[in-house]
Amino acid sequence: MSWTSMDIDDHLLALAQRQLGARTKQETINRALALAAAISAEDRARTLSWLQENSDSSLDFDVLEERERSGA
């Protein structure tokens, strides 16, 4: 492990912490790094392609927008 001092967006950190179910800042960052390291560029491209092809039938953007506004 290494010690790193940096400025981090508190709002994004809190959101990531909730999404990842982490208890501490360190745990949040380590979980996010593990997720990012595990997802290959090919996986991201495949997922993006699927989303583009299926978004109309799979995603209700009005519901997503309302959830975002409510903080859910």
PDB file of N, CA and C in Angstrom:
ATOM      1  N   MET A   1       0.842  -1.185   0.000  1.00  0.00           N
ATOM      2  CA  MET A   1       0.000   0.000   0.000  1.00  0.00           C
ATOM      3  C   MET A   1       0.879   1.237   0.000  1.00  0.00           C
ATOM      4  N   SER A   2       0.320   2.287  -0.541  1.00  0.00           N
ATOM      5  CA  SER A   2       1.038   3.554  -0.516  1.00  0.00           C
ATOM      6  C   SER A   2       0.142   4.632   0.081  1.00  0.00           C
ATOM      7  N   TRP A   3       0.754   5.670   0.592  1.00  0.00           N
ATOM      8  CA  TRP A   3       0.047   6.801   1.169  1.00  0.00           C
ATOM      9  C   TRP A   3       0.001   7.899   0.123  1.00  0.00           C
ATOM     10  N   THR A   4      -1.219   8.400  -0.191  1.00  0.00           N
ATOM     11  CA  THR A   4      -1.393   9.441  -1.191  1.00  0.00           C
ATOM     12  C   THR A   4      -2.309  10.511  -0.638  1.00  0.00           C
ATOM     13  N   SER A   5      -1.905  11.746  -0.770  1.00  0.00           N
ATOM     14  CA  SER A   5      -2.727  12.866  -0.337  1.00  0.00           C
ATOM     15  C   SER A   5      -3.253  13.580  -1.575  1.00  0.00           C
ATOM     16  N   MET A   6      -4.591  13.769  -1.646  1.00  0.00           N
ATOM     17  CA  MET A   6      -5.164  14.437  -2.819  1.00  0.00           C
ATOM     18  C   MET A   6      -6.504  15.049  -2.475  1.00  0.00           C
ATOM     19  N   ASP A   7      -6.943  15.961  -3.322  1.00  0.00           N
ATOM     20  CA  ASP A   7      -8.275  16.535  -3.198  1.00  0.00           C
ATOM     21  C   ASP A   7      -9.258  15.605  -3.896  1.00  0.00           C
ATOM     22  N   ILE A   8     -10.370  15.296  -3.219  1.00  0.00           N
ATOM     23  CA  ILE A   8     -11.397  14.416  -3.767  1.00  0.00           C
ATOM     24  C   ILE A   8     -12.742  15.126  -3.653  1.00  0.00           C
ATOM     25  N   ASP A   9     -13.542  15.021  -4.698  1.00  0.00           N
ATOM     26  CA  ASP A   9     -14.880  15.605  -4.713  1.00  0.00           C
ATOM     27  C   ASP A   9     -15.726  14.901  -3.645  1.00  0.00           C
ATOM     28  N   ASP A  10     -16.108  15.628  -2.592  1.00  0.00           N
ATOM     29  CA  ASP A  10     -16.845  15.036  -1.471  1.00  0.00           C
ATOM     30  C   ASP A  10     -18.201  14.475  -1.894  1.00  0.00           C
ATOM     31  N   HIS A  11     -18.884  15.164  -2.808  1.00  0.00           N
ATOM     32  CA  HIS A  11     -20.190  14.707  -3.277  1.00  0.00           C
ATOM     33  C   HIS A  11     -20.053  13.377  -4.014  1.00  0.00           C
ATOM     34  N   LEU A  12     -19.088  13.273  -4.919  1.00  0.00           N
ATOM     35  CA  LEU A  12     -18.881  12.031  -5.658  1.00  0.00           C
ATOM     36  C   LEU A  12     -18.425  10.904  -4.748  1.00  0.00           C
ATOM     37  N   LEU A  13     -17.601  11.234  -3.785  1.00  0.00           N
ATOM     38  CA  LEU A  13     -17.139  10.216  -2.834  1.00  0.00           C
ATOM     39  C   LEU A  13     -18.315   9.671  -2.030  1.00  0.00           C
ATOM     40  N   ALA A  14     -19.185  10.548  -1.558  1.00  0.00           N
ATOM     41  CA  ALA A  14     -20.350  10.110  -0.786  1.00  0.00           C
ATOM     42  C   ALA A  14     -21.279   9.254  -1.635  1.00  0.00           C
ATOM     43  N   LEU A  15     -21.482   9.647  -2.883  1.00  0.00           N
ATOM     44  CA  LEU A  15     -22.315   8.867  -3.788  1.00  0.00           C
ATOM     45  C   LEU A  15     -21.705   7.488  -4.022  1.00  0.00           C
ATOM     46  N   ALA A  16     -20.419   7.448  -4.303  1.00  0.00           N
ATOM     47  CA  ALA A  16     -19.732   6.170  -4.517  1.00  0.00           C
ATOM     48  C   ALA A  16     -19.795   5.308  -3.261  1.00  0.00           C
ATOM     49  N   GLN A  17     -19.634   5.918  -2.105  1.00  0.00           N
ATOM     50  CA  GLN A  17     -19.667   5.177  -0.846  1.00  0.00           C
ATOM     51  C   GLN A  17     -21.022   4.504  -0.657  1.00  0.00           C
ATOM     52  N   ARG A  18     -22.100   5.229  -0.946  1.00  0.00           N
ATOM     53  CA  ARG A  18     -23.439   4.635  -0.844  1.00  0.00           C
ATOM     54  C   ARG A  18     -23.616   3.526  -1.876  1.00  0.00           C
ATOM     55  N   GLN A  19     -23.213   3.781  -3.108  1.00  0.00           N
ATOM     56  CA  GLN A  19     -23.399   2.803  -4.181  1.00  0.00           C
ATOM     57  C   GLN A  19     -22.613   1.520  -3.921  1.00  0.00           C
ATOM     58  N   LEU A  20     -21.443   1.659  -3.350  1.00  0.00           N
ATOM     59  CA  LEU A  20     -20.571   0.505  -3.119  1.00  0.00           C
ATOM     60  C   LEU A  20     -20.785  -0.141  -1.756  1.00  0.00           C
ATOM     61  N   GLY A  21     -21.566   0.494  -0.900  1.00  0.00           N
ATOM     62  CA  GLY A  21     -21.806  -0.048   0.430  1.00  0.00           C
ATOM     63  C   GLY A  21     -20.564  -0.036   1.308  1.00  0.00           C
ATOM     64  N   ALA A  22     -19.695   0.921   1.072  1.00  0.00           N
ATOM     65  CA  ALA A  22     -18.442   1.015   1.832  1.00  0.00           C
ATOM     66  C   ALA A  22     -18.653   1.841   3.099  1.00  0.00           C
ATOM     67  N   ARG A  23     -17.847   1.558   4.117  1.00  0.00           N
ATOM     68  CA  ARG A  23     -17.969   2.256   5.402  1.00  0.00           C
ATOM     69  C   ARG A  23     -17.018   3.444   5.518  1.00  0.00           C
ATOM     70  N   THR A  24     -15.878   3.388   4.838  1.00  0.00           N
ATOM     71  CA  THR A  24     -14.872   4.447   4.983  1.00  0.00           C
ATOM     72  C   THR A  24     -14.461   4.984   3.621  1.00  0.00           C
ATOM     73  N   LYS A  25     -13.775   6.114   3.646  1.00  0.00           N
ATOM     74  CA  LYS A  25     -13.249   6.674   2.400  1.00  0.00           C
ATOM     75  C   LYS A  25     -12.260   5.708   1.756  1.00  0.00           C
ATOM     76  N   GLN A  26     -11.386   5.150   2.555  1.00  0.00           N
ATOM     77  CA  GLN A  26     -10.378   4.230   2.026  1.00  0.00           C
ATOM     78  C   GLN A  26     -11.043   3.020   1.384  1.00  0.00           C
ATOM     79  N   GLU A  27     -12.036   2.460   2.058  1.00  0.00           N
ATOM     80  CA  GLU A  27     -12.733   1.296   1.511  1.00  0.00           C
ATOM     81  C   GLU A  27     -13.448   1.659   0.213  1.00  0.00           C
ATOM     82  N   THR A  28     -14.053   2.840   0.168  1.00  0.00           N
ATOM     83  CA  THR A  28     -14.735   3.305  -1.034  1.00  0.00           C
ATOM     84  C   THR A  28     -13.773   3.394  -2.209  1.00  0.00           C
ATOM     85  N   ILE A  29     -12.650   4.044  -1.985  1.00  0.00           N
ATOM     86  CA  ILE A  29     -11.673   4.229  -3.058  1.00  0.00           C
ATOM     87  C   ILE A  29     -11.093   2.897  -3.501  1.00  0.00           C
ATOM     88  N   ASN A  30     -10.772   2.017  -2.560  1.00  0.00           N
ATOM     89  CA  ASN A  30     -10.226   0.718  -2.935  1.00  0.00           C
ATOM     90  C   ASN A  30     -11.232  -0.130  -3.702  1.00  0.00           C
ATOM     91  N   ARG A  31     -12.508  -0.094  -3.305  1.00  0.00           N
ATOM     92  CA  ARG A  31     -13.535  -0.834  -4.046  1.00  0.00           C
ATOM     93  C   ARG A  31     -13.712  -0.266  -5.455  1.00  0.00           C
ATOM     94  N   ALA A  32     -13.727   1.051  -5.559  1.00  0.00           N
ATOM     95  CA  ALA A  32     -13.872   1.678  -6.880  1.00  0.00           C
ATOM     96  C   ALA A  32     -12.684   1.344  -7.779  1.00  0.00           C
ATOM     97  N   LEU A  33     -11.496   1.359  -7.220  1.00  0.00           N
ATOM     98  CA  LEU A  33     -10.309   1.002  -8.003  1.00  0.00           C
ATOM     99  C   LEU A  33     -10.366  -0.456  -8.447  1.00  0.00           C
ATOM    100  N   ALA A  34     -10.818  -1.339  -7.569  1.00  0.00           N
ATOM    101  CA  ALA A  34     -10.926  -2.755  -7.921  1.00  0.00           C
ATOM    102  C   ALA A  34     -11.936  -2.952  -9.053  1.00  0.00           C
ATOM    103  N   LEU A  35     -13.049  -2.248  -8.978  1.00  0.00           N
ATOM    104  CA  LEU A  35     -14.044  -2.345 -10.052  1.00  0.00           C
ATOM    105  C   LEU A  35     -13.489  -1.827 -11.373  1.00  0.00           C
ATOM    106  N   ALA A  36     -12.845  -0.678 -11.326  1.00  0.00           N
ATOM    107  CA  ALA A  36     -12.283  -0.098 -12.545  1.00  0.00           C
ATOM    108  C   ALA A  36     -11.217  -1.005 -13.145  1.00  0.00           C
ATOM    109  N   ALA A  37     -10.408  -1.616 -12.309  1.00  0.00           N
ATOM    110  CA  ALA A  37      -9.344  -2.489 -12.799  1.00  0.00           C
ATOM    111  C   ALA A  37      -9.905  -3.777 -13.397  1.00  0.00           C
ATOM    112  N   ALA A  38     -11.073  -4.205 -12.916  1.00  0.00           N
ATOM    113  CA  ALA A  38     -11.644  -5.470 -13.374  1.00  0.00           C
ATOM    114  C   ALA A  38     -12.403  -5.345 -14.687  1.00  0.00           C
ATOM    115  N   ILE A  39     -12.762  -4.141 -15.056  1.00  0.00           N
ATOM    116  CA  ILE A  39     -13.559  -3.936 -16.260  1.00  0.00           C
ATOM    117  C   ILE A  39     -12.633  -3.573 -17.413  1.00  0.00           C
ATOM    118  N   SER A  40     -12.590  -4.430 -18.411  1.00  0.00           N
ATOM    119  CA  SER A  40     -11.720  -4.187 -19.556  1.00  0.00           C
ATOM    120  C   SER A  40     -12.383  -3.219 -20.538  1.00  0.00           C
ATOM    121  N   ALA A  41     -11.588  -2.667 -21.415  1.00  0.00           N
ATOM    122  CA  ALA A  41     -12.103  -1.771 -22.453  1.00  0.00           C
ATOM    123  C   ALA A  41     -13.109  -2.514 -23.333  1.00  0.00           C
ATOM    124  N   GLU A  42     -12.855  -3.784 -23.579  1.00  0.00           N
ATOM    125  CA  GLU A  42     -13.778  -4.585 -24.386  1.00  0.00           C
ATOM    126  C   GLU A  42     -15.121  -4.740 -23.683  1.00  0.00           C
ATOM    127  N   ASP A  43     -15.079  -4.965 -22.371  1.00  0.00           N
ATOM    128  CA  ASP A  43     -16.319  -5.066 -21.589  1.00  0.00           C
ATOM    129  C   ASP A  43     -17.102  -3.758 -21.657  1.00  0.00           C
ATOM    130  N   ARG A  44     -16.395  -2.644 -21.496  1.00  0.00           N
ATOM    131  CA  ARG A  44     -17.066  -1.341 -21.550  1.00  0.00           C
ATOM    132  C   ARG A  44     -17.686  -1.107 -22.916  1.00  0.00           C
ATOM    133  N   ALA A  45     -16.976  -1.426 -23.977  1.00  0.00           N
ATOM    134  CA  ALA A  45     -17.491  -1.232 -25.328  1.00  0.00           C
ATOM    135  C   ALA A  45     -18.714  -2.120 -25.573  1.00  0.00           C
ATOM    136  N   ARG A  46     -18.646  -3.361 -25.111  1.00  0.00           N
ATOM    137  CA  ARG A  46     -19.768  -4.284 -25.280  1.00  0.00           C
ATOM    138  C   ARG A  46     -21.000  -3.783 -24.512  1.00  0.00           C
ATOM    139  N   THR A  47     -20.787  -3.311 -23.308  1.00  0.00           N
ATOM    140  CA  THR A  47     -21.892  -2.801 -22.497  1.00  0.00           C
ATOM    141  C   THR A  47     -22.495  -1.551 -23.118  1.00  0.00           C
ATOM    142  N   LEU A  48     -21.662  -0.645 -23.579  1.00  0.00           N
ATOM    143  CA  LEU A  48     -22.149   0.573 -24.224  1.00  0.00           C
ATOM    144  C   LEU A  48     -22.958   0.240 -25.470  1.00  0.00           C
ATOM    145  N   SER A  49     -22.471  -0.688 -26.253  1.00  0.00           N
ATOM    146  CA  SER A  49     -23.185  -1.105 -27.456  1.00  0.00           C
ATOM    147  C   SER A  49     -24.557  -1.669 -27.100  1.00  0.00           C
ATOM    148  N   TRP A  50     -24.591  -2.529 -26.066  1.00  0.00           N
ATOM    149  CA  TRP A  50     -25.861  -3.114 -25.638  1.00  0.00           C
ATOM    150  C   TRP A  50     -26.819  -2.025 -25.165  1.00  0.00           C
ATOM    151  N   LEU A  51     -26.305  -1.081 -24.381  1.00  0.00           N
ATOM    152  CA  LEU A  51     -27.155   0.004 -23.892  1.00  0.00           C
ATOM    153  C   LEU A  51     -27.718   0.836 -25.037  1.00  0.00           C
ATOM    154  N   GLN A  52     -26.884   1.127 -26.017  1.00  0.00           N
ATOM    155  CA  GLN A  52     -27.348   1.910 -27.161  1.00  0.00           C
ATOM    156  C   GLN A  52     -28.439   1.173 -27.932  1.00  0.00           C
ATOM    157  N   GLU A  53     -28.298  -0.129 -28.065  1.00  0.00           N
ATOM    158  CA  GLU A  53     -29.274  -0.927 -28.812  1.00  0.00           C
ATOM    159  C   GLU A  53     -30.562  -1.169 -28.026  1.00  0.00           C
ATOM    160  N   ASN A  54     -30.474  -1.197 -26.697  1.00  0.00           N
ATOM    161  CA  ASN A  54     -31.618  -1.602 -25.883  1.00  0.00           C
ATOM    162  C   ASN A  54     -32.169  -0.536 -24.953  1.00  0.00           C
ATOM    163  N   SER A  55     -31.639   0.655 -25.006  1.00  0.00           N
ATOM    164  CA  SER A  55     -32.040   1.660 -24.023  1.00  0.00           C
ATOM    165  C   SER A  55     -33.526   1.992 -24.086  1.00  0.00           C
ATOM    166  N   ASP A  56     -34.103   2.033 -25.279  1.00  0.00           N
ATOM    167  CA  ASP A  56     -35.525   2.381 -25.376  1.00  0.00           C
ATOM    168  C   ASP A  56     -36.412   1.364 -24.680  1.00  0.00           C
ATOM    169  N   SER A  57     -36.053   0.084 -24.749  1.00  0.00           N
ATOM    170  CA  SER A  57     -36.887  -0.944 -24.143  1.00  0.00           C
ATOM    171  C   SER A  57     -36.474  -1.268 -22.708  1.00  0.00           C
ATOM    172  N   SER A  58     -35.295  -0.855 -22.291  1.00  0.00           N
ATOM    173  CA  SER A  58     -34.787  -1.248 -20.979  1.00  0.00           C
ATOM    174  C   SER A  58     -34.758  -0.124 -19.954  1.00  0.00           C
ATOM    175  N   LEU A  59     -34.647   1.096 -20.413  1.00  0.00           N
ATOM    176  CA  LEU A  59     -34.462   2.210 -19.484  1.00  0.00           C
ATOM    177  C   LEU A  59     -35.619   3.189 -19.579  1.00  0.00           C
ATOM    178  N   ASP A  60     -36.158   3.547 -18.440  1.00  0.00           N
ATOM    179  CA  ASP A  60     -37.173   4.583 -18.367  1.00  0.00           C
ATOM    180  C   ASP A  60     -36.478   5.832 -17.847  1.00  0.00           C
ATOM    181  N   PHE A  61     -36.106   6.721 -18.762  1.00  0.00           N
ATOM    182  CA  PHE A  61     -35.310   7.882 -18.396  1.00  0.00           C
ATOM    183  C   PHE A  61     -36.052   8.820 -17.457  1.00  0.00           C
ATOM    184  N   ASP A  62     -37.387   8.862 -17.527  1.00  0.00           N
ATOM    185  CA  ASP A  62     -38.145   9.691 -16.596  1.00  0.00           C
ATOM    186  C   ASP A  62     -37.992   9.169 -15.167  1.00  0.00           C
ATOM    187  N   VAL A  63     -38.043   7.849 -15.002  1.00  0.00           N
ATOM    188  CA  VAL A  63     -37.867   7.243 -13.681  1.00  0.00           C
ATOM    189  C   VAL A  63     -36.447   7.482 -13.181  1.00  0.00           C
ATOM    190  N   LEU A  64     -35.457   7.300 -14.052  1.00  0.00           N
ATOM    191  CA  LEU A  64     -34.064   7.523 -13.650  1.00  0.00           C
ATOM    192  C   LEU A  64     -33.832   8.969 -13.243  1.00  0.00           C
ATOM    193  N   GLU A  65     -34.411   9.901 -13.992  1.00  0.00           N
ATOM    194  CA  GLU A  65     -34.251  11.317 -13.663  1.00  0.00           C
ATOM    195  C   GLU A  65     -34.899  11.646 -12.316  1.00  0.00           C
ATOM    196  N   GLU A  66     -36.078  11.096 -12.068  1.00  0.00           N
ATOM    197  CA  GLU A  66     -36.756  11.330 -10.787  1.00  0.00           C
ATOM    198  C   GLU A  66     -35.963  10.738  -9.629  1.00  0.00           C
ATOM    199  N   ARG A  67     -35.396   9.542  -9.810  1.00  0.00           N
ATOM    200  CA  ARG A  67     -34.566   8.941  -8.770  1.00  0.00           C
ATOM    201  C   ARG A  67     -33.336   9.803  -8.492  1.00  0.00           C
ATOM    202  N   GLU A  68     -32.752  10.329  -9.538  1.00  0.00           N
ATOM    203  CA  GLU A  68     -31.573  11.177  -9.371  1.00  0.00           C
ATOM    204  C   GLU A  68     -31.941  12.438  -8.587  1.00  0.00           C
ATOM    205  N   ARG A  69     -33.068  13.038  -8.926  1.00  0.00           N
ATOM    206  CA  ARG A  69     -33.496  14.249  -8.220  1.00  0.00           C
ATOM    207  C   ARG A  69     -33.806  13.981  -6.752  1.00  0.00           C
ATOM    208  N   SER A  70     -34.388  12.801  -6.474  1.00  0.00           N
ATOM    209  CA  SER A  70     -34.778  12.490  -5.096  1.00  0.00           C
ATOM    210  C   SER A  70     -33.623  11.953  -4.258  1.00  0.00           C
ATOM    211  N   GLY A  71     -32.503  11.638  -4.920  1.00  0.00           N
ATOM    212  CA  GLY A  71     -31.353  11.107  -4.191  1.00  0.00           C
ATOM    213  C   GLY A  71     -31.460   9.637  -3.880  1.00  0.00           C
ATOM    214  N   ALA A  72     -32.414   8.965  -4.522  1.00  0.00           N
ATOM    215  CA  ALA A  72     -32.598   7.517  -4.277  1.00  0.00           C
ATOM    216  C   ALA A  72     -31.549   6.687  -4.964  1.00  0.00           C
TER     217      ALA A  72
END
